[in-house]
Amino acid sequence: MCSLAYIGFGANLGDPEDTFYKAMEKIGTLKWVYLRKVSSLYKTEPVGLKDNGPEFLNAVLEAQVEMSPFDLIYDLRKIERALGKNHSHKSDRSRKIDLDLLLFADKVFSSDTLEVPHPRMETRGFVLAPLAEIAPDFVHPGLKLTIRELLGKLGPEELRKIRLFKAVNKLEGV
C-alpha cells in the first residue's frame, strides 16, 4: 500500500547544501521509496541550541512510500549515520544532518521511537515554510488545518527567522 510521507531536512555543520544533496540521493535509492517533490532550501536561525551554532539549512521532501513509518524512520536514521550524525547526538546541539519524518499519510500516532505528525511542527517556520511550498493544501491530520493555514498562524517574529537560500527546481542528484 502506498503512502505519502514528508521528510524534513536540517543541518548547520560542515557543508549543509552538499549534505542535503547526498541525503536526497540516498533517500532516492531506498527500496519502496519514490521521491516526488523537493522544496527550496531555506536558511533559518537556530531554535533552542545550547552551542550557539550557525544558521541552519532546511528543506522538505515529499515521497511516495511502500513501507511502514517505522521502516522508513529506521532507513532515515541509517542515512543520518552514514552522513556523519553521531548516534548520541542531542537535539539542542548543532548537527551535520537531521532527517525527520514530519507526516505520514493521514496517520496520527506516538510510540517510544516515533511520533507522527512530528511534535511541534505547527509552531516551526523552518518546517512549515518549505512544507507549504510543496504541499500547501495537505491537511495536518491532528489539527485539521492545511499547511498553508498553519504557516499563516505563525507570528512575524517566527517568519523573520526564515529566508530563501536556493530554489530547487527538480530532484537534483536523484
N, C-alpha and C. Protein backbone atom coordinates (compact mmCIF):
# COMPACT_ATOMS: atom_id res chain seq x y z
N MET A 1 0.84 -1.18 0.00
CA MET A 1 0.00 0.00 0.00
C MET A 1 0.89 1.25 0.00
N CYS A 2 0.63 2.18 -0.88
CA CYS A 2 1.41 3.41 -1.00
C CYS A 2 0.91 4.47 -0.03
N SER A 3 1.85 5.18 0.58
CA SER A 3 1.52 6.28 1.47
C SER A 3 2.39 7.47 1.13
N LEU A 4 1.85 8.65 1.34
CA LEU A 4 2.60 9.87 1.13
C LEU A 4 3.31 10.23 2.43
N ALA A 5 4.61 10.50 2.34
CA ALA A 5 5.40 10.87 3.51
C ALA A 5 6.14 12.17 3.24
N TYR A 6 6.27 12.98 4.28
CA TYR A 6 7.03 14.22 4.18
C TYR A 6 8.20 14.13 5.15
N ILE A 7 9.40 14.37 4.61
CA ILE A 7 10.64 14.23 5.36
C ILE A 7 11.31 15.59 5.46
N GLY A 8 11.58 16.02 6.68
CA GLY A 8 12.27 17.28 6.90
C GLY A 8 13.77 17.07 6.95
N PHE A 9 14.50 18.04 6.40
CA PHE A 9 15.96 18.03 6.42
C PHE A 9 16.42 19.28 7.15
N GLY A 10 17.44 19.13 7.98
CA GLY A 10 18.08 20.27 8.62
C GLY A 10 19.54 19.96 8.88
N ALA A 11 20.40 20.98 8.74
CA ALA A 11 21.83 20.83 9.01
C ALA A 11 22.43 22.22 9.18
N ASN A 12 23.45 22.30 10.06
CA ASN A 12 24.15 23.58 10.20
C ASN A 12 25.66 23.42 10.41
N LEU A 13 26.17 22.21 10.23
CA LEU A 13 27.61 21.99 10.33
C LEU A 13 28.15 21.40 9.03
N GLY A 14 29.43 21.59 8.79
CA GLY A 14 30.03 21.08 7.56
C GLY A 14 29.52 21.88 6.37
N ASP A 15 29.18 21.18 5.31
CA ASP A 15 28.62 21.80 4.10
C ASP A 15 27.16 21.34 3.99
N PRO A 16 26.22 22.06 4.63
CA PRO A 16 24.83 21.60 4.66
C PRO A 16 24.20 21.40 3.29
N GLU A 17 24.55 22.24 2.33
CA GLU A 17 23.97 22.07 1.00
C GLU A 17 24.42 20.76 0.37
N ASP A 18 25.70 20.46 0.46
CA ASP A 18 26.22 19.19 -0.06
C ASP A 18 25.59 18.01 0.68
N THR A 19 25.46 18.14 1.99
CA THR A 19 24.84 17.07 2.79
C THR A 19 23.39 16.86 2.36
N PHE A 20 22.68 17.95 2.07
CA PHE A 20 21.30 17.83 1.61
C PHE A 20 21.21 16.99 0.33
N TYR A 21 22.05 17.31 -0.65
CA TYR A 21 22.00 16.56 -1.92
C TYR A 21 22.41 15.10 -1.73
N LYS A 22 23.37 14.86 -0.85
CA LYS A 22 23.76 13.47 -0.57
C LYS A 22 22.61 12.72 0.11
N ALA A 23 21.94 13.38 1.06
CA ALA A 23 20.81 12.74 1.74
C ALA A 23 19.68 12.46 0.75
N MET A 24 19.38 13.42 -0.10
CA MET A 24 18.33 13.24 -1.09
C MET A 24 18.65 12.07 -2.01
N GLU A 25 19.91 11.98 -2.42
CA GLU A 25 20.33 10.87 -3.28
C GLU A 25 20.15 9.53 -2.57
N LYS A 26 20.56 9.47 -1.31
CA LYS A 26 20.43 8.21 -0.56
C LYS A 26 18.97 7.85 -0.31
N ILE A 27 18.14 8.82 -0.01
CA ILE A 27 16.72 8.54 0.17
C ILE A 27 16.12 8.03 -1.13
N GLY A 28 16.54 8.63 -2.23
CA GLY A 28 16.04 8.22 -3.54
C GLY A 28 16.43 6.82 -3.95
N THR A 29 17.44 6.26 -3.31
CA THR A 29 17.85 4.89 -3.65
C THR A 29 17.21 3.84 -2.75
N LEU A 30 16.45 4.29 -1.74
CA LEU A 30 15.80 3.32 -0.86
C LEU A 30 14.75 2.52 -1.63
N LYS A 31 14.74 1.23 -1.38
CA LYS A 31 13.72 0.38 -1.97
C LYS A 31 12.37 0.79 -1.40
N TRP A 32 11.37 0.87 -2.22
CA TRP A 32 9.99 1.21 -1.85
C TRP A 32 9.79 2.69 -1.57
N VAL A 33 10.76 3.53 -1.97
CA VAL A 33 10.60 4.97 -1.79
C VAL A 33 10.76 5.64 -3.15
N TYR A 34 9.78 6.47 -3.50
CA TYR A 34 9.84 7.24 -4.74
C TYR A 34 9.72 8.72 -4.39
N LEU A 35 10.81 9.47 -4.58
CA LEU A 35 10.78 10.90 -4.30
C LEU A 35 9.95 11.61 -5.36
N ARG A 36 9.03 12.44 -4.90
CA ARG A 36 8.13 13.14 -5.82
C ARG A 36 8.41 14.63 -5.92
N LYS A 37 8.69 15.26 -4.79
CA LYS A 37 8.89 16.72 -4.78
C LYS A 37 9.97 17.07 -3.76
N VAL A 38 10.58 18.22 -3.99
CA VAL A 38 11.55 18.76 -3.04
C VAL A 38 11.32 20.26 -2.95
N SER A 39 11.38 20.78 -1.75
CA SER A 39 11.22 22.22 -1.57
C SER A 39 12.53 22.93 -1.91
N SER A 40 12.46 24.24 -1.91
CA SER A 40 13.67 25.04 -1.97
C SER A 40 14.43 24.86 -0.66
N LEU A 41 15.65 25.35 -0.65
CA LEU A 41 16.46 25.33 0.57
C LEU A 41 16.28 26.67 1.28
N TYR A 42 16.10 26.61 2.59
CA TYR A 42 15.87 27.80 3.39
C TYR A 42 16.95 27.92 4.46
N LYS A 43 17.44 29.14 4.66
CA LYS A 43 18.34 29.45 5.78
C LYS A 43 17.47 29.89 6.94
N THR A 44 17.75 29.34 8.11
CA THR A 44 16.95 29.69 9.28
C THR A 44 17.83 29.86 10.51
N GLU A 45 17.39 30.75 11.38
CA GLU A 45 18.09 30.93 12.65
C GLU A 45 17.91 29.68 13.49
N PRO A 46 18.93 29.30 14.25
CA PRO A 46 18.81 28.14 15.12
C PRO A 46 17.71 28.35 16.18
N VAL A 47 17.04 27.28 16.53
CA VAL A 47 16.00 27.32 17.56
C VAL A 47 16.41 26.38 18.69
N GLY A 48 16.57 26.92 19.88
CA GLY A 48 16.82 26.11 21.07
C GLY A 48 18.18 25.46 21.15
N LEU A 49 19.20 25.99 20.46
CA LEU A 49 20.54 25.40 20.54
C LEU A 49 21.30 25.94 21.74
N LYS A 50 22.01 25.06 22.43
CA LYS A 50 22.84 25.48 23.56
C LYS A 50 24.26 25.82 23.15
N ASP A 51 24.63 25.48 21.91
CA ASP A 51 26.02 25.69 21.50
C ASP A 51 26.21 26.90 20.57
N ASN A 52 25.20 27.74 20.42
CA ASN A 52 25.30 28.96 19.59
C ASN A 52 25.82 28.67 18.20
N GLY A 53 25.36 27.60 17.60
CA GLY A 53 25.80 27.21 16.27
C GLY A 53 25.32 28.16 15.18
N PRO A 54 25.84 27.95 13.96
CA PRO A 54 25.46 28.81 12.83
C PRO A 54 24.02 28.53 12.35
N GLU A 55 23.60 29.31 11.37
CA GLU A 55 22.27 29.13 10.79
C GLU A 55 22.10 27.73 10.22
N PHE A 56 20.86 27.31 10.14
CA PHE A 56 20.52 26.01 9.56
C PHE A 56 20.13 26.16 8.11
N LEU A 57 20.31 25.09 7.38
CA LEU A 57 19.74 24.94 6.05
C LEU A 57 18.62 23.92 6.22
N ASN A 58 17.41 24.27 5.77
CA ASN A 58 16.26 23.39 5.92
C ASN A 58 15.56 23.18 4.59
N ALA A 59 14.90 22.03 4.45
CA ALA A 59 14.12 21.69 3.26
C ALA A 59 13.17 20.56 3.64
N VAL A 60 12.24 20.27 2.73
CA VAL A 60 11.31 19.16 2.92
C VAL A 60 11.20 18.38 1.62
N LEU A 61 11.17 17.06 1.75
CA LEU A 61 11.00 16.15 0.62
C LEU A 61 9.64 15.47 0.73
N GLU A 62 9.00 15.29 -0.41
CA GLU A 62 7.76 14.50 -0.47
C GLU A 62 8.09 13.17 -1.14
N ALA A 63 7.67 12.08 -0.52
CA ALA A 63 7.96 10.76 -1.07
C ALA A 63 6.71 9.89 -1.03
N GLN A 64 6.58 9.07 -2.05
CA GLN A 64 5.57 8.01 -2.06
C GLN A 64 6.31 6.77 -1.55
N VAL A 65 5.78 6.15 -0.51
CA VAL A 65 6.48 5.02 0.10
C VAL A 65 5.57 3.81 0.19
N GLU A 66 6.20 2.66 0.12
CA GLU A 66 5.50 1.38 0.29
C GLU A 66 6.17 0.63 1.44
N MET A 67 6.13 1.26 2.60
CA MET A 67 6.71 0.69 3.81
C MET A 67 6.03 1.34 5.00
N SER A 68 6.26 0.78 6.16
CA SER A 68 5.68 1.36 7.37
C SER A 68 6.49 2.60 7.76
N PRO A 69 5.88 3.49 8.55
CA PRO A 69 6.65 4.64 9.03
C PRO A 69 7.85 4.23 9.88
N PHE A 70 7.74 3.10 10.56
CA PHE A 70 8.85 2.62 11.39
C PHE A 70 10.01 2.14 10.53
N ASP A 71 9.71 1.48 9.42
CA ASP A 71 10.77 1.08 8.49
C ASP A 71 11.42 2.30 7.85
N LEU A 72 10.60 3.28 7.51
CA LEU A 72 11.13 4.50 6.89
C LEU A 72 12.04 5.24 7.86
N ILE A 73 11.63 5.43 9.11
CA ILE A 73 12.47 6.16 10.06
C ILE A 73 13.75 5.38 10.34
N TYR A 74 13.68 4.06 10.35
CA TYR A 74 14.88 3.23 10.51
C TYR A 74 15.87 3.51 9.38
N ASP A 75 15.37 3.57 8.14
CA ASP A 75 16.24 3.86 7.00
C ASP A 75 16.78 5.28 7.05
N LEU A 76 15.96 6.23 7.48
CA LEU A 76 16.42 7.61 7.60
C LEU A 76 17.52 7.73 8.64
N ARG A 77 17.41 7.01 9.74
CA ARG A 77 18.46 7.03 10.77
C ARG A 77 19.77 6.45 10.23
N LYS A 78 19.68 5.40 9.42
CA LYS A 78 20.89 4.83 8.80
C LYS A 78 21.54 5.87 7.89
N ILE A 79 20.76 6.61 7.13
CA ILE A 79 21.30 7.64 6.25
C ILE A 79 21.96 8.74 7.08
N GLU A 80 21.33 9.16 8.16
CA GLU A 80 21.95 10.17 9.04
C GLU A 80 23.32 9.70 9.52
N ARG A 81 23.40 8.47 9.99
CA ARG A 81 24.69 7.96 10.49
C ARG A 81 25.73 7.89 9.36
N ALA A 82 25.29 7.48 8.17
CA ALA A 82 26.21 7.40 7.03
C ALA A 82 26.75 8.78 6.65
N LEU A 83 25.97 9.82 6.93
CA LEU A 83 26.38 11.18 6.58
C LEU A 83 26.96 11.96 7.77
N GLY A 84 27.28 11.25 8.85
CA GLY A 84 28.05 11.86 9.92
C GLY A 84 27.33 12.21 11.20
N LYS A 85 26.09 11.82 11.38
CA LYS A 85 25.41 12.12 12.64
C LYS A 85 25.76 11.07 13.68
N ASN A 86 26.19 11.53 14.83
CA ASN A 86 26.55 10.65 15.92
C ASN A 86 25.27 10.11 16.57
N HIS A 87 25.26 8.84 16.91
CA HIS A 87 24.06 8.22 17.50
C HIS A 87 23.70 8.81 18.85
N SER A 88 24.65 9.47 19.52
CA SER A 88 24.37 10.06 20.82
C SER A 88 24.09 11.56 20.73
N HIS A 89 23.81 12.05 19.53
CA HIS A 89 23.55 13.48 19.31
C HIS A 89 22.38 13.98 20.16
N LYS A 90 22.52 15.16 20.71
CA LYS A 90 21.45 15.80 21.50
C LYS A 90 20.74 16.82 20.60
N SER A 91 19.42 16.92 20.75
CA SER A 91 18.63 17.80 19.88
C SER A 91 18.90 19.28 20.10
N ASP A 92 19.55 19.64 21.20
CA ASP A 92 19.83 21.05 21.45
C ASP A 92 21.26 21.44 21.04
N ARG A 93 21.85 20.64 20.14
CA ARG A 93 23.21 20.89 19.64
C ARG A 93 23.20 21.04 18.12
N SER A 94 24.19 21.73 17.59
CA SER A 94 24.35 21.83 16.15
C SER A 94 24.52 20.44 15.56
N ARG A 95 24.25 20.31 14.26
CA ARG A 95 24.32 18.97 13.67
C ARG A 95 24.70 19.03 12.20
N LYS A 96 25.31 17.94 11.78
CA LYS A 96 25.68 17.80 10.38
C LYS A 96 24.46 17.42 9.54
N ILE A 97 23.52 16.70 10.14
CA ILE A 97 22.31 16.31 9.43
C ILE A 97 21.24 15.90 10.44
N ASP A 98 20.01 16.20 10.06
CA ASP A 98 18.85 15.76 10.82
C ASP A 98 17.75 15.47 9.80
N LEU A 99 17.23 14.26 9.82
CA LEU A 99 16.11 13.87 8.96
C LEU A 99 14.94 13.50 9.86
N ASP A 100 13.83 14.19 9.66
CA ASP A 100 12.64 13.96 10.49
C ASP A 100 11.48 13.51 9.62
N LEU A 101 10.75 12.52 10.09
CA LEU A 101 9.51 12.12 9.44
C LEU A 101 8.44 13.06 9.98
N LEU A 102 8.03 14.03 9.15
CA LEU A 102 7.09 15.05 9.58
C LEU A 102 5.65 14.56 9.56
N LEU A 103 5.28 13.95 8.45
CA LEU A 103 3.92 13.47 8.23
C LEU A 103 3.97 12.15 7.50
N PHE A 104 3.03 11.28 7.80
CA PHE A 104 2.93 10.00 7.11
C PHE A 104 1.45 9.76 6.82
N ALA A 105 1.07 10.02 5.57
CA ALA A 105 -0.33 9.91 5.14
C ALA A 105 -1.20 10.71 6.10
N ASP A 106 -2.30 10.15 6.52
CA ASP A 106 -3.19 10.84 7.46
C ASP A 106 -3.07 10.24 8.86
N LYS A 107 -1.93 9.66 9.14
CA LYS A 107 -1.71 8.95 10.41
C LYS A 107 -1.37 9.90 11.55
N VAL A 108 -1.87 9.55 12.73
CA VAL A 108 -1.53 10.21 13.98
C VAL A 108 -1.21 9.10 14.97
N PHE A 109 0.02 9.06 15.46
CA PHE A 109 0.38 8.05 16.45
C PHE A 109 1.65 8.44 17.18
N SER A 110 1.85 7.79 18.31
CA SER A 110 3.02 8.04 19.12
C SER A 110 3.51 6.72 19.70
N SER A 111 4.81 6.51 19.62
CA SER A 111 5.43 5.33 20.22
C SER A 111 6.72 5.77 20.90
N ASP A 112 7.44 4.83 21.44
CA ASP A 112 8.72 5.14 22.07
C ASP A 112 9.74 5.67 21.07
N THR A 113 9.61 5.29 19.80
CA THR A 113 10.61 5.63 18.80
C THR A 113 10.17 6.64 17.75
N LEU A 114 8.87 6.93 17.68
CA LEU A 114 8.38 7.77 16.60
C LEU A 114 7.06 8.43 16.97
N GLU A 115 6.96 9.72 16.67
CA GLU A 115 5.69 10.44 16.83
C GLU A 115 5.35 11.12 15.51
N VAL A 116 4.14 10.85 15.01
CA VAL A 116 3.67 11.41 13.75
C VAL A 116 2.28 11.96 13.97
N PRO A 117 2.01 13.19 13.53
CA PRO A 117 2.90 14.19 12.96
C PRO A 117 4.03 14.56 13.93
N HIS A 118 5.09 15.08 13.34
CA HIS A 118 6.25 15.43 14.14
C HIS A 118 5.86 16.47 15.19
N PRO A 119 6.30 16.27 16.43
CA PRO A 119 5.91 17.19 17.51
C PRO A 119 6.35 18.63 17.24
N ARG A 120 5.49 19.55 17.52
CA ARG A 120 5.73 21.00 17.43
C ARG A 120 5.93 21.52 16.02
N MET A 121 5.74 20.69 15.00
CA MET A 121 5.97 21.18 13.64
C MET A 121 5.08 22.37 13.31
N GLU A 122 3.90 22.43 13.91
CA GLU A 122 2.95 23.50 13.61
C GLU A 122 3.40 24.86 14.15
N THR A 123 4.43 24.87 14.98
CA THR A 123 4.95 26.14 15.53
C THR A 123 6.29 26.53 14.92
N ARG A 124 6.77 25.74 14.00
CA ARG A 124 8.13 25.95 13.48
C ARG A 124 8.12 26.37 12.02
N GLY A 125 8.49 27.61 11.81
CA GLY A 125 8.54 28.14 10.46
C GLY A 125 9.52 27.41 9.57
N PHE A 126 10.63 26.93 10.15
CA PHE A 126 11.63 26.23 9.34
C PHE A 126 11.11 24.91 8.81
N VAL A 127 10.02 24.39 9.38
CA VAL A 127 9.34 23.21 8.86
C VAL A 127 8.21 23.63 7.92
N LEU A 128 7.39 24.56 8.37
CA LEU A 128 6.19 24.92 7.62
C LEU A 128 6.46 25.66 6.31
N ALA A 129 7.48 26.52 6.26
CA ALA A 129 7.75 27.27 5.02
C ALA A 129 8.11 26.32 3.87
N PRO A 130 9.08 25.42 4.04
CA PRO A 130 9.36 24.51 2.91
C PRO A 130 8.22 23.53 2.65
N LEU A 131 7.53 23.10 3.70
CA LEU A 131 6.42 22.18 3.52
C LEU A 131 5.27 22.85 2.77
N ALA A 132 4.99 24.10 3.09
CA ALA A 132 3.92 24.84 2.40
C ALA A 132 4.25 25.06 0.92
N GLU A 133 5.52 25.13 0.62
CA GLU A 133 5.93 25.30 -0.78
C GLU A 133 5.53 24.10 -1.64
N ILE A 134 5.64 22.88 -1.08
CA ILE A 134 5.36 21.69 -1.89
C ILE A 134 4.03 21.02 -1.57
N ALA A 135 3.43 21.37 -0.43
CA ALA A 135 2.17 20.72 -0.04
C ALA A 135 1.26 21.68 0.74
N PRO A 136 0.94 22.83 0.15
CA PRO A 136 0.18 23.84 0.89
C PRO A 136 -1.21 23.38 1.33
N ASP A 137 -1.81 22.47 0.57
CA ASP A 137 -3.18 22.04 0.86
C ASP A 137 -3.25 20.72 1.63
N PHE A 138 -2.11 20.17 2.00
CA PHE A 138 -2.10 18.95 2.81
C PHE A 138 -2.68 19.28 4.17
N VAL A 139 -3.59 18.49 4.65
CA VAL A 139 -4.25 18.74 5.92
C VAL A 139 -3.51 17.99 7.04
N HIS A 140 -3.08 18.76 8.03
CA HIS A 140 -2.44 18.18 9.21
C HIS A 140 -3.48 17.26 9.86
N PRO A 141 -3.18 15.96 9.98
CA PRO A 141 -4.20 15.03 10.44
C PRO A 141 -4.65 15.21 11.89
N GLY A 142 -3.84 15.83 12.71
CA GLY A 142 -4.24 16.05 14.10
C GLY A 142 -4.96 17.37 14.30
N LEU A 143 -4.51 18.40 13.60
CA LEU A 143 -5.06 19.75 13.79
C LEU A 143 -6.17 20.09 12.81
N LYS A 144 -6.29 19.32 11.74
CA LYS A 144 -7.34 19.52 10.72
C LYS A 144 -7.24 20.89 10.04
N LEU A 145 -6.03 21.40 9.89
CA LEU A 145 -5.76 22.63 9.17
C LEU A 145 -4.76 22.33 8.07
N THR A 146 -4.84 23.08 6.96
CA THR A 146 -3.87 22.88 5.90
C THR A 146 -2.51 23.44 6.33
N ILE A 147 -1.49 23.01 5.65
CA ILE A 147 -0.14 23.52 5.94
C ILE A 147 -0.11 25.02 5.71
N ARG A 148 -0.77 25.50 4.66
CA ARG A 148 -0.85 26.93 4.38
C ARG A 148 -1.49 27.67 5.56
N GLU A 149 -2.57 27.12 6.11
CA GLU A 149 -3.23 27.75 7.25
C GLU A 149 -2.32 27.76 8.48
N LEU A 150 -1.61 26.68 8.71
CA LEU A 150 -0.67 26.63 9.85
C LEU A 150 0.43 27.67 9.69
N LEU A 151 0.96 27.79 8.48
CA LEU A 151 2.01 28.79 8.23
C LEU A 151 1.46 30.19 8.47
N GLY A 152 0.22 30.44 8.05
CA GLY A 152 -0.41 31.74 8.25
C GLY A 152 -0.64 32.10 9.71
N LYS A 153 -0.64 31.11 10.59
CA LYS A 153 -0.84 31.36 12.01
C LYS A 153 0.45 31.76 12.73
N LEU A 154 1.59 31.60 12.06
CA LEU A 154 2.85 31.95 12.70
C LEU A 154 2.99 33.46 12.80
N GLY A 155 3.59 33.90 13.87
CA GLY A 155 3.80 35.33 14.07
C GLY A 155 4.95 35.85 13.23
N PRO A 156 5.01 37.17 13.03
CA PRO A 156 6.07 37.76 12.21
C PRO A 156 7.46 37.49 12.76
N GLU A 157 7.60 37.36 14.08
CA GLU A 157 8.92 37.10 14.66
C GLU A 157 9.44 35.72 14.23
N GLU A 158 8.56 34.75 14.08
CA GLU A 158 8.96 33.42 13.62
C GLU A 158 9.27 33.44 12.13
N LEU A 159 8.48 34.15 11.36
CA LEU A 159 8.67 34.20 9.91
C LEU A 159 9.93 34.95 9.52
N ARG A 160 10.34 35.93 10.34
CA ARG A 160 11.58 36.69 10.04
C ARG A 160 12.82 35.81 10.15
N LYS A 161 12.72 34.67 10.82
CA LYS A 161 13.87 33.79 11.02
C LYS A 161 14.17 32.95 9.78
N ILE A 162 13.29 33.01 8.77
CA ILE A 162 13.38 32.12 7.61
C ILE A 162 13.62 32.95 6.35
N ARG A 163 14.57 32.51 5.52
CA ARG A 163 14.74 33.19 4.23
C ARG A 163 15.16 32.17 3.18
N LEU A 164 14.68 32.40 1.99
CA LEU A 164 15.00 31.52 0.87
C LEU A 164 16.50 31.57 0.62
N PHE A 165 17.11 30.41 0.51
CA PHE A 165 18.54 30.32 0.23
C PHE A 165 18.76 29.95 -1.23
N LYS A 166 18.05 28.91 -1.70
CA LYS A 166 18.25 28.45 -3.06
C LYS A 166 17.01 27.67 -3.53
N ALA A 167 16.49 28.08 -4.67
CA ALA A 167 15.37 27.35 -5.25
C ALA A 167 15.89 26.04 -5.84
N VAL A 168 15.17 24.97 -5.58
CA VAL A 168 15.50 23.66 -6.13
C VAL A 168 14.35 23.31 -7.05
N ASN A 169 14.60 23.33 -8.35
CA ASN A 169 13.52 23.20 -9.32
C ASN A 169 13.17 21.77 -9.67
N LYS A 170 14.02 20.85 -9.29
CA LYS A 170 13.75 19.44 -9.60
C LYS A 170 14.50 18.58 -8.59
N LEU A 171 14.31 17.32 -8.70
CA LEU A 171 15.01 16.40 -7.80
C LEU A 171 16.44 16.22 -8.29
N GLU A 172 17.25 17.23 -8.04
CA GLU A 172 18.64 17.22 -8.49
C GLU A 172 19.42 16.12 -7.77
N GLY A 173 20.21 15.39 -8.52
CA GLY A 173 21.07 14.38 -7.93
C GLY A 173 20.41 13.06 -7.64
N VAL A 174 19.12 12.93 -7.98
CA VAL A 174 18.43 11.68 -7.72
C VAL A 174 18.16 10.97 -9.01
